[in-house]
Amino acid sequence: MEAHVAWELYRSFLAVLTEGSLSGAARSLDIAQPTVGRHVAALERALRMPLFTRSQTGLLPLESALALRPYAEAMSTAVAALERAAASQGAGVRGVVRITASHVIGVEVLPPILARVRERHPDLQIELVLSNRMQDLLQREADIAVRMARPAQQLLIARRVGQVDVGLHATAQYLERHGTPATTADLHGHALIGFDRPTAFIRAASKSFPLRRETFSIRADSDLAQLALIRSGAGIGACQVPIGRRDGLVRVLGRQYSLLLDTWIVMHQDLRSSPRCRVTFDALVDGLKRHVAAPVARAQGLAPGKAVPKKSS
């Protein structure tokens, strides 16, 4: 193979792998379709191997292309991280910060936190990646992550902000129509909202929520879809207690169904000296602490984020 292969050839190769066609890759890269075709052909010549075979539906990757994919993805991630670091050079808090979080946290919790930090630092640019898959911070898929489990990797800075309680919730209107369950057995007479396909997380949580797929009247693998169904009054489902309280949902069977999720803010230790990452990290820690503390604080008549007074001994 040739000693040096330009990055744009790998970028076009990865786009074709992702989109499945030259036209789709061209649209995603905002370049001309013939240019993508020339890049793929040049890469095949440089590597001295075919990468795709043509079909009626587009380009099908050969085994050689699939073997190269993880390395091309790692290159793409590294280039994106380099561009974020380059854009942040200069005085003050500026540049791009890439944050990853679960769908529910990203949609329901982070927007006001990010809005506040952007008001204070208008030169800061934020990329929000929503995924229930843990992005690899060591490979710089993201700069900062909000995780609902303690990170195991070294070389990461991690701050625990507390535990988010997850319980069963429904609207008051639904419970008025169908009654409030007093025992676990009473759930059999209700419309339950839950998952369709079990994941590793769901299997791990089954001790706190001993409900099976067959017990759910409405099934969705999207956490956001389940939350929307609960809010619509379709039935009873699992919801973060702070979100349930904020939205006026009613928690049911709190003693029997409670799942405590450790919540962490995490970033690579090499980014600790980056003003853009440090400011964003601290804002997320403060905002998520308020989110976690909200149910207890409101229950005791305190402002969110204030300490709960200890009982005198």
Protein backbone atom coordinates (compact mmCIF):
# COMPACT_ATOMS: atom_id res chain seq x y z
CA MET A 1 0.00 0.00 0.00
CA GLU A 2 1.02 3.62 -0.38
CA ALA A 3 2.94 5.09 2.55
CA HIS A 4 0.59 8.06 3.02
CA VAL A 5 -3.18 8.12 2.51
CA ALA A 6 -4.97 11.45 2.83
CA TRP A 7 -7.60 11.73 5.56
CA GLU A 8 -10.35 12.82 3.18
CA LEU A 9 -10.20 9.39 1.51
CA TYR A 10 -10.94 7.67 4.81
CA ARG A 11 -13.64 10.23 5.58
CA SER A 12 -15.45 9.47 2.32
CA PHE A 13 -14.97 5.73 2.89
CA LEU A 14 -16.57 6.01 6.35
CA ALA A 15 -19.45 8.08 4.99
CA VAL A 16 -20.18 5.45 2.33
CA LEU A 17 -20.11 2.75 5.02
CA THR A 18 -22.56 4.74 7.15
CA GLU A 19 -24.92 5.90 4.39
CA GLY A 20 -24.71 2.85 2.12
CA SER A 21 -24.37 4.78 -1.14
CA LEU A 22 -22.24 7.38 -2.90
CA SER A 23 -25.16 9.80 -3.07
CA GLY A 24 -25.94 9.47 0.63
CA ALA A 25 -22.28 9.93 1.53
CA ALA A 26 -22.07 13.01 -0.70
CA ARG A 27 -25.09 14.58 1.04
CA SER A 28 -23.70 13.88 4.50
CA LEU A 29 -20.32 15.39 3.61
CA ASP A 30 -21.76 18.21 1.50
CA ILE A 31 -19.51 17.40 -1.45
CA ALA A 32 -20.21 16.20 -5.00
CA GLN A 33 -21.07 12.53 -5.58
CA PRO A 34 -18.30 12.03 -8.20
CA THR A 35 -15.80 13.31 -5.63
CA VAL A 36 -16.87 10.61 -3.17
CA GLY A 37 -16.53 8.00 -5.90
CA ARG A 38 -13.01 9.21 -6.74
CA HIS A 39 -12.04 9.12 -3.07
CA VAL A 40 -13.23 5.53 -2.63
CA ALA A 41 -11.47 4.43 -5.83
CA ALA A 42 -8.28 6.20 -4.75
CA LEU A 43 -8.40 4.52 -1.35
CA GLU A 44 -8.87 1.10 -2.95
CA ARG A 45 -5.85 1.74 -5.17
CA ALA A 46 -3.77 2.98 -2.23
CA LEU A 47 -4.68 -0.04 -0.09
CA ARG A 48 -4.51 -2.40 -3.08
CA MET A 49 -7.76 -4.09 -2.19
CA PRO A 50 -11.45 -3.76 -3.09
CA LEU A 51 -13.69 -2.34 -0.37
CA PHE A 52 -17.23 -2.37 -1.79
CA THR A 53 -19.34 -4.30 -4.24
CA ARG A 54 -22.20 -2.67 -6.11
CA SER A 55 -25.79 -3.86 -5.69
CA GLN A 56 -29.25 -2.63 -6.67
CA THR A 57 -29.62 -1.01 -3.24
CA GLY A 58 -26.23 0.72 -3.17
CA LEU A 59 -22.71 -0.21 -2.15
CA LEU A 60 -22.22 -3.30 0.02
CA PRO A 61 -19.07 -3.37 2.17
CA LEU A 62 -16.72 -6.29 1.72
CA GLU A 63 -15.01 -7.98 4.64
CA SER A 64 -11.98 -5.75 4.05
CA ALA A 65 -14.11 -2.61 4.53
CA LEU A 66 -15.70 -3.94 7.72
CA ALA A 67 -12.25 -4.76 9.10
CA LEU A 68 -11.09 -1.18 8.48
CA ARG A 69 -14.22 0.48 9.89
CA PRO A 70 -13.25 0.71 13.60
CA TYR A 71 -9.92 2.31 12.68
CA ALA A 72 -11.58 4.84 10.37
CA GLU A 73 -14.09 5.65 13.13
CA ALA A 74 -11.22 6.16 15.60
CA MET A 75 -9.56 8.52 13.12
CA SER A 76 -12.80 10.47 12.69
CA THR A 77 -13.22 10.80 16.45
CA ALA A 78 -9.62 11.98 16.85
CA VAL A 79 -10.01 14.57 14.09
CA ALA A 80 -13.21 15.90 15.70
CA ALA A 81 -11.46 16.14 19.09
CA LEU A 82 -8.52 17.95 17.48
CA GLU A 83 -10.88 20.45 15.84
CA ARG A 84 -12.66 21.09 19.16
CA ALA A 85 -9.34 21.69 20.90
CA ALA A 86 -8.12 23.99 18.13
CA ALA A 87 -11.34 26.03 18.18
CA SER A 88 -10.97 26.64 21.92
CA GLN A 89 -7.53 28.26 21.75
CA GLY A 90 -7.36 31.86 22.90
CA ALA A 91 -8.28 33.84 25.98
CA GLY A 92 -11.50 33.23 27.88
CA VAL A 93 -14.07 30.46 27.78
CA ARG A 94 -14.60 29.70 24.11
CA GLY A 95 -14.71 26.83 21.65
CA VAL A 96 -16.69 23.59 21.40
CA VAL A 97 -17.63 21.20 24.21
CA ARG A 98 -19.16 17.87 23.28
CA ILE A 99 -21.46 16.45 25.98
CA THR A 100 -23.06 13.03 25.98
CA ALA A 101 -26.02 11.95 28.13
CA SER A 102 -28.95 9.57 28.08
CA HIS A 103 -32.05 10.60 26.15
CA VAL A 104 -34.10 11.46 29.24
CA ILE A 105 -31.33 13.43 30.95
CA GLY A 106 -30.46 15.19 27.71
CA VAL A 107 -34.02 16.22 26.90
CA GLU A 108 -35.60 16.69 30.34
CA VAL A 109 -32.75 17.92 32.57
CA LEU A 110 -29.82 19.44 30.67
CA PRO A 111 -31.44 22.17 28.50
CA PRO A 112 -31.89 24.80 31.27
CA ILE A 113 -28.41 23.99 32.64
CA LEU A 114 -26.83 24.47 29.23
CA ALA A 115 -28.87 27.61 28.60
CA ARG A 116 -27.50 29.18 31.80
CA VAL A 117 -23.89 28.33 31.02
CA ARG A 118 -24.29 29.73 27.49
CA GLU A 119 -25.73 32.97 28.91
CA ARG A 120 -22.60 33.37 31.02
CA HIS A 121 -20.20 32.30 28.26
CA PRO A 122 -21.64 33.25 24.84
CA ASP A 123 -18.45 32.19 23.01
CA LEU A 124 -18.95 28.63 24.20
CA GLN A 125 -20.38 26.20 21.65
CA ILE A 126 -22.09 23.02 22.86
CA GLU A 127 -22.62 19.74 21.05
CA LEU A 128 -25.16 17.54 22.84
CA VAL A 129 -25.05 13.84 21.94
CA LEU A 130 -27.99 11.84 23.24
CA SER A 131 -27.41 8.11 23.50
CA ASN A 132 -28.15 5.38 26.00
CA ARG A 133 -24.86 3.81 24.87
CA MET A 134 -21.88 4.96 26.92
CA GLN A 135 -19.65 7.11 24.70
CA ASP A 136 -15.94 6.35 25.12
CA LEU A 137 -14.28 9.37 26.70
CA LEU A 138 -10.85 7.77 26.44
CA GLN A 139 -11.27 7.70 22.66
CA ARG A 140 -12.59 11.30 22.79
CA GLU A 141 -16.03 10.46 21.40
CA ALA A 142 -17.14 13.21 23.77
CA ASP A 143 -15.49 15.65 26.18
CA ILE A 144 -17.91 15.29 29.11
CA ALA A 145 -20.43 12.59 29.96
CA VAL A 146 -23.38 12.37 32.33
CA ARG A 147 -23.48 8.76 33.46
CA MET A 148 -25.92 6.83 35.63
CA ALA A 149 -23.23 4.45 36.85
CA ARG A 150 -19.78 4.83 38.37
CA PRO A 151 -17.11 5.01 35.64
CA ALA A 152 -14.61 2.17 35.76
CA GLN A 153 -11.89 3.54 33.47
CA GLN A 154 -8.77 5.21 34.78
CA LEU A 155 -7.59 8.56 33.39
CA LEU A 156 -11.08 9.99 33.97
CA ILE A 157 -12.14 12.76 36.35
CA ALA A 158 -15.47 11.77 37.89
CA ARG A 159 -17.72 13.72 40.28
CA ARG A 160 -20.65 11.98 41.93
CA VAL A 161 -23.63 14.31 42.24
CA GLY A 162 -25.98 11.96 44.09
CA GLN A 163 -28.65 9.37 43.39
CA VAL A 164 -31.69 9.81 41.18
CA ASP A 165 -34.70 7.87 42.42
CA VAL A 166 -36.80 6.12 39.77
CA GLY A 167 -40.32 5.00 40.66
CA LEU A 168 -43.69 4.15 39.19
CA HIS A 169 -45.80 7.17 38.20
CA ALA A 170 -49.11 8.04 36.59
CA THR A 171 -51.22 11.14 36.06
CA ALA A 172 -53.82 12.07 38.66
CA GLN A 173 -56.49 11.80 35.95
CA TYR A 174 -55.51 8.22 35.14
CA LEU A 175 -55.65 7.22 38.83
CA GLU A 176 -59.03 8.93 39.22
CA ARG A 177 -60.39 6.81 36.37
CA HIS A 178 -58.78 3.50 37.31
CA GLY A 179 -57.98 3.75 41.02
CA THR A 180 -54.63 3.93 42.84
CA PRO A 181 -52.93 0.55 43.35
CA ALA A 182 -52.31 -0.20 47.02
CA THR A 183 -50.34 -3.42 46.50
CA THR A 184 -48.24 -5.01 43.79
CA ALA A 185 -51.11 -7.36 43.03
CA ASP A 186 -53.29 -4.35 42.17
CA LEU A 187 -51.02 -3.54 39.22
CA HIS A 188 -52.54 -6.42 37.26
CA GLY A 189 -55.67 -4.37 36.80
CA HIS A 190 -53.81 -1.41 35.32
CA ALA A 191 -52.26 -0.44 32.00
CA LEU A 192 -48.53 -0.72 32.56
CA ILE A 193 -45.99 1.04 30.35
CA GLY A 194 -42.58 -0.57 29.88
CA PHE A 195 -39.87 -1.96 27.63
CA ASP A 196 -40.17 -4.16 24.58
CA ARG A 197 -36.68 -5.70 24.47
CA PRO A 198 -34.67 -6.16 27.68
CA THR A 199 -31.23 -4.57 27.84
CA ALA A 200 -28.33 -5.22 30.20
CA PHE A 201 -29.45 -2.20 32.27
CA ILE A 202 -33.04 -3.47 32.47
CA ARG A 203 -31.87 -6.91 33.56
CA ALA A 204 -29.69 -5.32 36.26
CA ALA A 205 -32.65 -3.22 37.45
CA SER A 206 -35.06 -6.15 37.57
CA LYS A 207 -34.57 -6.60 41.32
CA SER A 208 -36.02 -3.16 42.00
CA PHE A 209 -38.64 -3.42 39.25
CA PRO A 210 -39.66 -7.11 39.12
CA LEU A 211 -41.91 -6.55 36.11
CA ARG A 212 -41.68 -8.60 32.92
CA ARG A 213 -42.29 -7.71 29.30
CA GLU A 214 -45.55 -9.67 29.24
CA THR A 215 -47.00 -7.54 32.04
CA PHE A 216 -46.81 -4.32 29.98
CA SER A 217 -49.89 -3.22 28.07
CA ILE A 218 -47.86 -0.63 26.15
CA ARG A 219 -44.24 -1.35 25.19
CA ALA A 220 -41.54 1.00 23.90
CA ASP A 221 -37.77 0.76 24.05
CA SER A 222 -37.47 4.55 24.02
CA ASP A 223 -37.34 6.09 27.50
CA LEU A 224 -38.72 9.33 26.07
CA ALA A 225 -41.65 7.49 24.49
CA GLN A 226 -42.46 5.82 27.81
CA LEU A 227 -42.34 9.17 29.59
CA ALA A 228 -44.64 10.74 26.99
CA LEU A 229 -47.10 7.88 27.42
CA ILE A 230 -47.12 8.34 31.21
CA ARG A 231 -47.74 12.08 30.82
CA SER A 232 -50.58 11.44 28.39
CA GLY A 233 -52.44 9.38 30.99
CA ALA A 234 -52.01 6.10 29.12
CA GLY A 235 -51.00 4.17 32.21
CA ILE A 236 -48.43 3.59 34.95
CA GLY A 237 -44.71 3.54 34.15
CA ALA A 238 -41.22 4.19 35.48
CA CYS A 239 -40.09 7.80 35.71
CA GLN A 240 -37.37 9.73 37.53
CA VAL A 241 -38.89 11.09 40.72
CA PRO A 242 -37.57 14.66 40.17
CA ILE A 243 -39.17 14.75 36.73
CA GLY A 244 -42.40 13.25 38.07
CA ARG A 245 -42.66 15.86 40.81
CA ARG A 246 -41.87 18.68 38.41
CA ASP A 247 -44.59 17.55 36.00
CA GLY A 248 -47.25 16.89 38.64
CA LEU A 249 -47.25 13.11 38.21
CA VAL A 250 -48.31 10.90 41.11
CA ARG A 251 -45.93 8.28 42.43
CA VAL A 252 -47.47 4.93 43.28
CA LEU A 253 -46.15 2.02 45.35
CA GLY A 254 -43.09 4.01 46.37
CA ARG A 255 -42.00 1.51 49.00
CA GLN A 256 -42.18 -1.47 46.68
CA TYR A 257 -40.72 0.10 43.52
CA SER A 258 -37.65 2.27 43.90
CA LEU A 259 -34.45 2.24 41.87
CA LEU A 260 -31.59 4.53 42.93
CA LEU A 261 -29.26 5.52 40.09
CA ASP A 262 -25.84 6.91 40.94
CA THR A 263 -25.27 10.01 38.85
CA TRP A 264 -21.77 11.07 37.77
CA ILE A 265 -20.22 13.83 35.68
CA VAL A 266 -17.12 12.53 33.91
CA MET A 267 -14.38 13.89 31.65
CA HIS A 268 -10.86 12.91 30.58
CA GLN A 269 -8.18 14.14 32.98
CA ASP A 270 -6.25 15.75 30.10
CA LEU A 271 -9.11 18.28 29.78
CA ARG A 272 -8.92 19.56 33.36
CA SER A 273 -6.87 22.61 32.25
CA SER A 274 -9.28 23.45 29.43
CA PRO A 275 -11.41 26.50 30.41
CA ARG A 276 -14.32 25.43 28.17
CA CYS A 277 -14.45 21.94 29.69
CA ARG A 278 -13.85 23.02 33.29
CA VAL A 279 -16.63 25.62 33.21
CA THR A 280 -19.07 23.20 31.58
CA PHE A 281 -18.11 20.37 33.95
CA ASP A 282 -18.75 22.57 37.01
CA ALA A 283 -22.08 23.80 35.59
CA LEU A 284 -23.24 20.24 35.02
CA VAL A 285 -22.23 19.20 38.52
CA ASP A 286 -24.16 22.12 40.05
CA GLY A 287 -27.21 21.64 37.83
CA LEU A 288 -27.42 17.87 38.32
CA LYS A 289 -27.02 18.27 42.10
CA ARG A 290 -30.08 20.54 42.06
CA HIS A 291 -31.97 18.00 39.96
CA VAL A 292 -31.12 15.15 42.32
CA ALA A 293 -31.94 17.20 45.44
CA ALA A 294 -35.24 18.59 44.13
CA PRO A 295 -37.63 15.89 45.44
CA VAL A 296 -36.19 15.89 48.98
CA ALA A 297 -35.94 19.67 49.09
CA ARG A 298 -39.50 20.25 47.94
CA ALA A 299 -40.85 17.62 50.28
CA GLN A 300 -39.29 19.48 53.21
CA GLY A 301 -40.15 22.98 51.97
CA LEU A 302 -36.61 23.90 50.94
CA ALA A 303 -35.38 25.58 47.79
CA PRO A 304 -33.78 23.09 45.36
CA GLY A 305 -30.06 22.72 45.96
CA LYS A 306 -30.26 23.70 49.66
CA ALA A 307 -29.03 21.24 52.25
CA VAL A 308 -31.56 19.15 54.09
CA PRO A 309 -31.34 19.99 57.83
CA LYS A 310 -30.18 17.14 60.02
CA LYS A 311 -32.30 15.96 62.91
CA SER A 312 -30.87 16.83 66.26
CA SER A 313 -29.68 13.82 68.23
